Amino acid sequence: MINWKFLQQRDTGRVSQPLHSQLKTICIGKNIEINITGSFVNNKSGIRKLRNTIQYYDKINIGCGDNIINIVPGWLNINKLREKEIFCGTVSNKQDACFLNCDVLKELPLIENNIKYVYASNFIEHLTFQESIDFLKKCFKIMKKGGVIRLSFPDLELWCKNYTFNNKKFFKQYYKFTGGYNRLPELKTKGEIFMSQLHNWGHRWGWDIESMRHVLTITGFSKIKKKKHLKSAIVDINTIEPKTKVRVLECTYIEAFK
């Protein structure tokens, strides 16, 4: 049985009006959290309720983490939290931005043909090859015709070129920007740093533009283009794209249309 809980809003009291009509207002307020008790991913009724709750969003930020810097107002920010006590399906307010705790590999609980922009920064490399294909199929399904998906990821080709041409500056910068001196002080050579990038941070696959173009094509996308940092068909890209030194150093960007 799905049981909606309205947790206390610390500065204005409790939410008493129906959730479906009030979430847009709720997400502008502070310290709100709405739960479905139990995991919604295997419950069709729970999925329907969640879809109805968040259906007005047409921009989603997938894999945003729980760092407030990457959670953006005006977007539905999605990530799977590690804390077991926070139910999968929880919608919460973080600094005036709406956050959904959700495992997108199991279910992307959004209405089909409704999303204008899908943004995923440094997320897809945390999936296996097959998981990436399944994820892109889910994205294609929920996007409206003419919608844009933008992905950024560590550029395997860039890393290989810098390794082959012995560009030690690139590896030293990456090591410095990621805090490698403190995290992995034993790494010294460019090969060791390269392997730490491939196998640490929860990475499960390496991508270059050619490979990403391939999987976007087979999952239905078209007009696929490599893009530069902050150059995008997404109008408000400047509000959502990370500007950290390590992302600018190692990442590439690609966009495609439904």
C-alpha atoms as a PDB file:
ATOM      1  CA  MET A   1       0.000   0.000   0.000  1.00  0.00           C
ATOM      2  CA  ILE A   2       1.449   3.355  -1.024  1.00  0.00           C
ATOM      3  CA  ASN A   3       1.444   5.818   1.867  1.00  0.00           C
ATOM      4  CA  TRP A   4       2.300   9.442   1.036  1.00  0.00           C
ATOM      5  CA  LYS A   5       3.987  11.253   3.892  1.00  0.00           C
ATOM      6  CA  PHE A   6       4.126  15.009   4.162  1.00  0.00           C
ATOM      7  CA  LEU A   7       7.116  15.833   6.301  1.00  0.00           C
ATOM      8  CA  GLN A   8       7.179  19.072   8.240  1.00  0.00           C
ATOM      9  CA  GLN A   9       8.313  22.249   6.526  1.00  0.00           C
ATOM     10  CA  ARG A  10      10.413  23.765   9.241  1.00  0.00           C
ATOM     11  CA  ASP A  11       9.737  27.436   8.549  1.00  0.00           C
ATOM     12  CA  THR A  12       6.048  27.442   7.468  1.00  0.00           C
ATOM     13  CA  GLY A  13       4.410  24.398   9.071  1.00  0.00           C
ATOM     14  CA  ARG A  14       2.884  21.376   7.341  1.00  0.00           C
ATOM     15  CA  VAL A  15       1.748  20.999   3.766  1.00  0.00           C
ATOM     16  CA  SER A  16      -1.968  20.299   3.820  1.00  0.00           C
ATOM     17  CA  GLN A  17      -3.074  20.745   0.204  1.00  0.00           C
ATOM     18  CA  PRO A  18      -2.981  17.913  -2.364  1.00  0.00           C
ATOM     19  CA  LEU A  19       0.550  17.119  -3.497  1.00  0.00           C
ATOM     20  CA  HIS A  20      -0.233  16.715  -7.205  1.00  0.00           C
ATOM     21  CA  SER A  21      -1.352  20.340  -7.544  1.00  0.00           C
ATOM     22  CA  GLN A  22       1.129  21.854  -5.106  1.00  0.00           C
ATOM     23  CA  LEU A  23       4.561  20.396  -5.898  1.00  0.00           C
ATOM     24  CA  LYS A  24       5.604  23.332  -8.078  1.00  0.00           C
ATOM     25  CA  THR A  25       4.973  25.661  -5.150  1.00  0.00           C
ATOM     26  CA  ILE A  26       6.510  23.240  -2.682  1.00  0.00           C
ATOM     27  CA  CYS A  27       9.780  23.074  -4.590  1.00  0.00           C
ATOM     28  CA  ILE A  28      10.163  26.837  -4.306  1.00  0.00           C
ATOM     29  CA  GLY A  29       9.886  26.621  -0.534  1.00  0.00           C
ATOM     30  CA  LYS A  30      12.480  25.219   1.865  1.00  0.00           C
ATOM     31  CA  ASN A  31      13.133  21.955   3.695  1.00  0.00           C
ATOM     32  CA  ILE A  32      10.259  19.991   2.158  1.00  0.00           C
ATOM     33  CA  GLU A  33      10.362  16.257   1.669  1.00  0.00           C
ATOM     34  CA  ILE A  34       7.635  13.990   0.298  1.00  0.00           C
ATOM     35  CA  ASN A  35       7.971  10.212   0.452  1.00  0.00           C
ATOM     36  CA  ILE A  36       6.476   7.104  -0.978  1.00  0.00           C
ATOM     37  CA  THR A  37       7.065   4.524   1.734  1.00  0.00           C
ATOM     38  CA  GLY A  38       8.896   1.601   0.251  1.00  0.00           C
ATOM     39  CA  SER A  39      10.532   1.373  -3.143  1.00  0.00           C
ATOM     40  CA  PHE A  40       8.339   2.579  -5.982  1.00  0.00           C
ATOM     41  CA  VAL A  41      10.328   0.847  -8.718  1.00  0.00           C
ATOM     42  CA  ASN A  42       8.372  -2.406  -8.606  1.00  0.00           C
ATOM     43  CA  ASN A  43       5.000  -0.852  -7.907  1.00  0.00           C
ATOM     44  CA  LYS A  44       2.943   0.424 -10.875  1.00  0.00           C
ATOM     45  CA  SER A  45       0.654   2.486  -8.649  1.00  0.00           C
ATOM     46  CA  GLY A  46       3.637   4.206  -7.049  1.00  0.00           C
ATOM     47  CA  ILE A  47       5.176   4.962 -10.438  1.00  0.00           C
ATOM     48  CA  ARG A  48       1.928   6.502 -11.679  1.00  0.00           C
ATOM     49  CA  LYS A  49       1.673   8.732  -8.612  1.00  0.00           C
ATOM     50  CA  LEU A  50       5.255   9.848  -8.959  1.00  0.00           C
ATOM     51  CA  ARG A  51       4.792  10.614 -12.668  1.00  0.00           C
ATOM     52  CA  ASN A  52       1.731  12.699 -11.911  1.00  0.00           C
ATOM     53  CA  THR A  53       3.614  14.529  -9.186  1.00  0.00           C
ATOM     54  CA  ILE A  54       6.584  15.656 -11.275  1.00  0.00           C
ATOM     55  CA  GLN A  55       5.024  15.806 -14.731  1.00  0.00           C
ATOM     56  CA  TYR A  56       5.332  19.582 -15.162  1.00  0.00           C
ATOM     57  CA  TYR A  57       9.129  19.338 -15.353  1.00  0.00           C
ATOM     58  CA  ASP A  58      10.456  19.225 -18.919  1.00  0.00           C
ATOM     59  CA  LYS A  59      14.166  19.474 -18.034  1.00  0.00           C
ATOM     60  CA  ILE A  60      16.009  16.727 -16.135  1.00  0.00           C
ATOM     61  CA  ASN A  61      19.507  16.651 -14.682  1.00  0.00           C
ATOM     62  CA  ILE A  62      20.505  12.993 -14.323  1.00  0.00           C
ATOM     63  CA  GLY A  63      23.355  11.818 -12.106  1.00  0.00           C
ATOM     64  CA  CYS A  64      23.639  15.143 -10.323  1.00  0.00           C
ATOM     65  CA  GLY A  65      24.991  13.597  -7.122  1.00  0.00           C
ATOM     66  CA  ASP A  66      24.039  15.042  -3.759  1.00  0.00           C
ATOM     67  CA  ASN A  67      26.423  18.017  -3.973  1.00  0.00           C
ATOM     68  CA  ILE A  68      24.307  21.158  -3.859  1.00  0.00           C
ATOM     69  CA  ILE A  69      26.567  22.771  -6.492  1.00  0.00           C
ATOM     70  CA  ASN A  70      25.229  20.321  -9.113  1.00  0.00           C
ATOM     71  CA  ILE A  71      21.551  20.547  -8.105  1.00  0.00           C
ATOM     72  CA  VAL A  72      19.917  23.225 -10.247  1.00  0.00           C
ATOM     73  CA  PRO A  73      16.632  25.122  -9.681  1.00  0.00           C
ATOM     74  CA  GLY A  74      14.178  24.813 -12.556  1.00  0.00           C
ATOM     75  CA  TRP A  75      15.361  21.292 -13.390  1.00  0.00           C
ATOM     76  CA  LEU A  76      14.272  17.946 -11.969  1.00  0.00           C
ATOM     77  CA  ASN A  77      17.536  16.740 -10.453  1.00  0.00           C
ATOM     78  CA  ILE A  78      17.859  12.958 -10.269  1.00  0.00           C
ATOM     79  CA  ASN A  79      20.336  10.772  -8.444  1.00  0.00           C
ATOM     80  CA  LYS A  80      20.382   7.561  -6.424  1.00  0.00           C
ATOM     81  CA  LEU A  81      21.447   8.329  -2.870  1.00  0.00           C
ATOM     82  CA  ARG A  82      23.513   5.868  -0.837  1.00  0.00           C
ATOM     83  CA  GLU A  83      21.532   6.383   2.365  1.00  0.00           C
ATOM     84  CA  LYS A  84      19.246   3.371   2.788  1.00  0.00           C
ATOM     85  CA  GLU A  85      16.857   5.265   5.038  1.00  0.00           C
ATOM     86  CA  ILE A  86      15.972   7.638   2.170  1.00  0.00           C
ATOM     87  CA  PHE A  87      13.438   5.744   0.093  1.00  0.00           C
ATOM     88  CA  CYS A  88      13.805   5.404  -3.643  1.00  0.00           C
ATOM     89  CA  GLY A  89      11.046   7.687  -4.907  1.00  0.00           C
ATOM     90  CA  THR A  90      11.586  10.485  -2.397  1.00  0.00           C
ATOM     91  CA  VAL A  91      11.051  13.953  -3.838  1.00  0.00           C
ATOM     92  CA  SER A  92      12.764  16.661  -1.827  1.00  0.00           C
ATOM     93  CA  ASN A  93      13.714  20.308  -1.933  1.00  0.00           C
ATOM     94  CA  LYS A  94      17.401  21.177  -1.851  1.00  0.00           C
ATOM     95  CA  GLN A  95      18.138  24.903  -1.902  1.00  0.00           C
ATOM     96  CA  ASP A  96      14.990  25.737  -3.902  1.00  0.00           C
ATOM     97  CA  ALA A  97      15.681  22.933  -6.403  1.00  0.00           C
ATOM     98  CA  CYS A  98      13.651  19.749  -6.810  1.00  0.00           C
ATOM     99  CA  PHE A  99      15.551  16.495  -6.178  1.00  0.00           C
ATOM    100  CA  LEU A 100      14.328  12.955  -6.914  1.00  0.00           C
ATOM    101  CA  ASN A 101      16.058   9.969  -5.344  1.00  0.00           C
ATOM    102  CA  CYS A 102      15.799   7.371  -8.099  1.00  0.00           C
ATOM    103  CA  ASP A 103      17.710   4.491  -9.680  1.00  0.00           C
ATOM    104  CA  VAL A 104      17.293   5.335 -13.373  1.00  0.00           C
ATOM    105  CA  LEU A 105      18.545   1.898 -14.409  1.00  0.00           C
ATOM    106  CA  LYS A 106      15.459   0.318 -12.852  1.00  0.00           C
ATOM    107  CA  GLU A 107      12.870   2.916 -13.746  1.00  0.00           C
ATOM    108  CA  LEU A 108      12.803   6.466 -15.085  1.00  0.00           C
ATOM    109  CA  PRO A 109       9.377   7.425 -13.691  1.00  0.00           C
ATOM    110  CA  LEU A 110       8.525  10.193 -16.137  1.00  0.00           C
ATOM    111  CA  ILE A 111       5.729  10.614 -18.656  1.00  0.00           C
ATOM    112  CA  GLU A 112       6.599   9.629 -22.220  1.00  0.00           C
ATOM    113  CA  ASN A 113       7.193  12.269 -24.910  1.00  0.00           C
ATOM    114  CA  ASN A 114       7.322  15.066 -22.329  1.00  0.00           C
ATOM    115  CA  ILE A 115      10.965  16.029 -21.695  1.00  0.00           C
ATOM    116  CA  LYS A 116      12.600  18.841 -23.656  1.00  0.00           C
ATOM    117  CA  TYR A 117      16.140  18.603 -22.231  1.00  0.00           C
ATOM    118  CA  VAL A 118      18.072  15.696 -20.736  1.00  0.00           C
ATOM    119  CA  TYR A 119      21.419  16.616 -19.178  1.00  0.00           C
ATOM    120  CA  ALA A 120      23.871  14.078 -17.747  1.00  0.00           C
ATOM    121  CA  SER A 121      27.314  15.290 -16.749  1.00  0.00           C
ATOM    122  CA  ASN A 122      29.912  12.584 -16.079  1.00  0.00           C
ATOM    123  CA  PHE A 123      27.288   9.963 -15.432  1.00  0.00           C
ATOM    124  CA  ILE A 124      27.362   7.528 -18.326  1.00  0.00           C
ATOM    125  CA  GLU A 125      30.916   6.319 -17.643  1.00  0.00           C
ATOM    126  CA  HIS A 126      29.564   4.885 -14.374  1.00  0.00           C
ATOM    127  CA  LEU A 127      27.422   2.419 -16.362  1.00  0.00           C
ATOM    128  CA  THR A 128      28.396  -0.707 -18.242  1.00  0.00           C
ATOM    129  CA  PHE A 129      28.098  -0.706 -22.029  1.00  0.00           C
ATOM    130  CA  GLN A 130      24.709  -2.469 -21.993  1.00  0.00           C
ATOM    131  CA  GLU A 131      23.427  -0.319 -19.126  1.00  0.00           C
ATOM    132  CA  SER A 132      24.335   2.757 -21.164  1.00  0.00           C
ATOM    133  CA  ILE A 133      22.251   1.520 -24.098  1.00  0.00           C
ATOM    134  CA  ASP A 134      19.319   0.735 -21.811  1.00  0.00           C
ATOM    135  CA  PHE A 135      19.609   4.161 -20.176  1.00  0.00           C
ATOM    136  CA  LEU A 136      19.611   5.978 -23.529  1.00  0.00           C
ATOM    137  CA  LYS A 137      16.541   4.006 -24.641  1.00  0.00           C
ATOM    138  CA  LYS A 138      14.727   5.197 -21.503  1.00  0.00           C
ATOM    139  CA  CYS A 139      15.783   8.779 -22.219  1.00  0.00           C
ATOM    140  CA  PHE A 140      14.560   8.555 -25.815  1.00  0.00           C
ATOM    141  CA  LYS A 141      11.199   7.241 -24.627  1.00  0.00           C
ATOM    142  CA  ILE A 142      10.488  10.137 -22.249  1.00  0.00           C
ATOM    143  CA  MET A 143      11.779  12.903 -24.548  1.00  0.00           C
ATOM    144  CA  LYS A 144       9.481  14.922 -26.773  1.00  0.00           C
ATOM    145  CA  LYS A 145      10.152  15.182 -30.514  1.00  0.00           C
ATOM    146  CA  GLY A 146      12.870  17.780 -31.053  1.00  0.00           C
ATOM    147  CA  GLY A 147      14.158  17.319 -27.512  1.00  0.00           C
ATOM    148  CA  VAL A 148      17.898  17.503 -26.794  1.00  0.00           C
ATOM    149  CA  ILE A 149      20.095  15.157 -24.800  1.00  0.00           C
ATOM    150  CA  ARG A 150      23.538  16.398 -23.737  1.00  0.00           C
ATOM    151  CA  LEU A 151      26.168  14.080 -22.292  1.00  0.00           C
ATOM    152  CA  SER A 152      29.619  14.848 -20.984  1.00  0.00           C
ATOM    153  CA  PHE A 153      32.221  12.246 -20.070  1.00  0.00           C
ATOM    154  CA  PRO A 154      35.989  11.767 -19.754  1.00  0.00           C
ATOM    155  CA  ASP A 155      37.259  11.630 -23.334  1.00  0.00           C
ATOM    156  CA  LEU A 156      39.066   8.315 -23.900  1.00  0.00           C
ATOM    157  CA  GLU A 157      40.603   9.582 -27.146  1.00  0.00           C
ATOM    158  CA  LEU A 158      41.939  12.691 -25.399  1.00  0.00           C
ATOM    159  CA  TRP A 159      43.472  10.589 -22.651  1.00  0.00           C
ATOM    160  CA  CYS A 160      45.065   8.218 -25.165  1.00  0.00           C
ATOM    161  CA  LYS A 161      46.532  11.084 -27.207  1.00  0.00           C
ATOM    162  CA  ASN A 162      48.045  12.709 -24.142  1.00  0.00           C
ATOM    163  CA  TYR A 163      49.466   9.349 -23.079  1.00  0.00           C
ATOM    164  CA  THR A 164      50.878   8.560 -26.530  1.00  0.00           C
ATOM    165  CA  PHE A 165      52.463  11.991 -26.964  1.00  0.00           C
ATOM    166  CA  ASN A 166      53.842  11.938 -23.421  1.00  0.00           C
ATOM    167  CA  ASN A 167      52.036  15.109 -22.344  1.00  0.00           C
ATOM    168  CA  LYS A 168      53.028  14.951 -18.694  1.00  0.00           C
ATOM    169  CA  LYS A 169      51.449  18.345 -18.020  1.00  0.00           C
ATOM    170  CA  PHE A 170      47.979  16.923 -18.725  1.00  0.00           C
ATOM    171  CA  PHE A 171      48.456  14.094 -16.218  1.00  0.00           C
ATOM    172  CA  LYS A 172      49.938  16.370 -13.558  1.00  0.00           C
ATOM    173  CA  GLN A 173      47.002  18.763 -13.917  1.00  0.00           C
ATOM    174  CA  TYR A 174      44.456  15.963 -13.659  1.00  0.00           C
ATOM    175  CA  TYR A 175      46.240  14.537 -10.616  1.00  0.00           C
ATOM    176  CA  LYS A 176      46.259  17.954  -8.975  1.00  0.00           C
ATOM    177  CA  PHE A 177      42.666  18.899  -9.830  1.00  0.00           C
ATOM    178  CA  THR A 178      41.264  15.618  -8.485  1.00  0.00           C
ATOM    179  CA  GLY A 179      43.222  15.819  -5.253  1.00  0.00           C
ATOM    180  CA  GLY A 180      45.340  12.853  -6.232  1.00  0.00           C
ATOM    181  CA  TYR A 181      48.212  13.954  -4.020  1.00  0.00           C
ATOM    182  CA  ASN A 182      46.000  13.304  -1.007  1.00  0.00           C
ATOM    183  CA  ARG A 183      43.803  10.475  -2.316  1.00  0.00           C
ATOM    184  CA  LEU A 184      46.427   8.359  -4.099  1.00  0.00           C
ATOM    185  CA  PRO A 185      49.860   9.734  -3.209  1.00  0.00           C
ATOM    186  CA  GLU A 186      51.603   6.589  -4.475  1.00  0.00           C
ATOM    187  CA  LEU A 187      50.755   7.322  -8.141  1.00  0.00           C
ATOM    188  CA  LYS A 188      53.739   8.718 -10.012  1.00  0.00           C
ATOM    189  CA  THR A 189      53.702   7.811 -13.713  1.00  0.00           C
ATOM    190  CA  LYS A 190      51.268   8.891 -16.419  1.00  0.00           C
ATOM    191  CA  GLY A 191      50.269   5.244 -16.891  1.00  0.00           C
ATOM    192  CA  GLU A 192      49.372   4.908 -13.217  1.00  0.00           C
ATOM    193  CA  ILE A 193      47.324   8.120 -13.323  1.00  0.00           C
ATOM    194  CA  PHE A 194      45.595   7.000 -16.543  1.00  0.00           C
ATOM    195  CA  MET A 195      44.619   3.670 -14.990  1.00  0.00           C
ATOM    196  CA  SER A 196      43.403   5.411 -11.831  1.00  0.00           C
ATOM    197  CA  GLN A 197      41.045   7.463 -13.972  1.00  0.00           C
ATOM    198  CA  LEU A 198      39.697   4.409 -15.804  1.00  0.00           C
ATOM    199  CA  HIS A 199      39.251   2.159 -12.782  1.00  0.00           C
ATOM    200  CA  ASN A 200      38.513   4.520  -9.872  1.00  0.00           C
ATOM    201  CA  TRP A 201      35.612   6.880  -9.149  1.00  0.00           C
ATOM    202  CA  GLY A 202      33.130   4.086  -9.861  1.00  0.00           C
ATOM    203  CA  HIS A 203      33.871   4.175 -13.600  1.00  0.00           C
ATOM    204  CA  ARG A 204      32.725   1.101 -15.538  1.00  0.00           C
ATOM    205  CA  TRP A 205      33.324   2.062 -19.170  1.00  0.00           C
ATOM    206  CA  GLY A 206      35.470   4.405 -21.252  1.00  0.00           C
ATOM    207  CA  TRP A 207      33.928   6.521 -24.016  1.00  0.00           C
ATOM    208  CA  ASP A 208      35.116   8.449 -27.032  1.00  0.00           C
ATOM    209  CA  ILE A 209      32.992  10.447 -29.470  1.00  0.00           C
ATOM    210  CA  GLU A 210      32.874   7.644 -32.063  1.00  0.00           C
ATOM    211  CA  SER A 211      31.540   5.116 -29.551  1.00  0.00           C
ATOM    212  CA  MET A 212      29.041   7.534 -28.071  1.00  0.00           C
ATOM    213  CA  ARG A 213      27.803   8.503 -31.525  1.00  0.00           C
ATOM    214  CA  HIS A 214      27.272   4.786 -32.219  1.00  0.00           C
ATOM    215  CA  VAL A 215      25.135   4.086 -29.136  1.00  0.00           C
ATOM    216  CA  LEU A 216      23.118   7.282 -29.585  1.00  0.00           C
ATOM    217  CA  THR A 217      22.375   6.254 -33.154  1.00  0.00           C
ATOM    218  CA  ILE A 218      21.250   2.710 -32.321  1.00  0.00           C
ATOM    219  CA  THR A 219      18.971   4.030 -29.558  1.00  0.00           C
ATOM    220  CA  GLY A 220      17.133   6.298 -31.993  1.00  0.00           C
ATOM    221  CA  PHE A 221      18.812   9.695 -31.725  1.00  0.00           C
ATOM    222  CA  SER A 222      19.814  11.875 -34.679  1.00  0.00           C
ATOM    223  CA  LYS A 223      21.653  15.136 -35.458  1.00  0.00           C
ATOM    224  CA  ILE A 224      24.475  13.985 -33.204  1.00  0.00           C
ATOM    225  CA  LYS A 225      27.232  16.552 -32.747  1.00  0.00           C
ATOM    226  CA  LYS A 226      30.326  16.992 -30.664  1.00  0.00           C
ATOM    227  CA  LYS A 227      30.073  20.220 -28.706  1.00  0.00           C
ATOM    228  CA  LYS A 228      32.375  22.521 -26.775  1.00  0.00           C
ATOM    229  CA  HIS A 229      32.083  23.363 -23.107  1.00  0.00           C
ATOM    230  CA  LEU A 230      29.084  25.686 -22.541  1.00  0.00           C
ATOM    231  CA  LYS A 231      28.158  25.620 -26.253  1.00  0.00           C
ATOM    232  CA  SER A 232      24.768  23.990 -26.527  1.00  0.00           C
ATOM    233  CA  ALA A 233      21.271  23.866 -27.972  1.00  0.00           C
ATOM    234  CA  ILE A 234      20.131  23.944 -24.329  1.00  0.00           C
ATOM    235  CA  VAL A 235      19.260  27.584 -23.733  1.00  0.00           C
ATOM    236  CA  ASP A 236      20.245  27.767 -20.057  1.00  0.00           C
ATOM    237  CA  ILE A 237      23.357  25.576 -20.335  1.00  0.00           C
ATOM    238  CA  ASN A 238      25.382  28.088 -18.321  1.00  0.00           C
ATOM    239  CA  THR A 239      23.262  27.377 -15.242  1.00  0.00           C
ATOM    240  CA  ILE A 240      23.798  23.614 -15.267  1.00  0.00           C
ATOM    241  CA  GLU A 241      27.166  22.800 -16.873  1.00  0.00           C
ATOM    242  CA  PRO A 242      29.992  22.298 -14.335  1.00  0.00           C
ATOM    243  CA  LYS A 243      32.923  24.677 -14.735  1.00  0.00           C
ATOM    244  CA  THR A 244      35.413  22.830 -12.546  1.00  0.00           C
ATOM    245  CA  LYS A 245      38.968  22.631 -13.846  1.00  0.00           C
ATOM    246  CA  VAL A 246      39.056  18.842 -14.051  1.00  0.00           C
ATOM    247  CA  ARG A 247      35.836  18.658 -16.105  1.00  0.00           C
ATOM    248  CA  VAL A 248      37.105  21.247 -18.573  1.00  0.00           C
ATOM    249  CA  LEU A 249      40.463  19.461 -18.779  1.00  0.00           C
ATOM    250  CA  GLU A 250      39.365  15.889 -19.480  1.00  0.00           C
ATOM    251  CA  CYS A 251      35.794  15.898 -20.744  1.00  0.00           C
ATOM    252  CA  THR A 252      34.133  16.002 -24.114  1.00  0.00           C
ATOM    253  CA  TYR A 253      30.529  16.903 -24.838  1.00  0.00           C
ATOM    254  CA  ILE A 254      27.992  15.485 -27.257  1.00  0.00           C
ATOM    255  CA  GLU A 255      24.399  16.388 -28.085  1.00  0.00           C
ATOM    256  CA  ALA A 256      21.676  14.625 -29.996  1.00  0.00           C
ATOM    257  CA  PHE A 257      18.037  15.196 -30.890  1.00  0.00           C
ATOM    258  CA  LYS A 258      15.008  12.961 -30.761  1.00  0.00           C
END
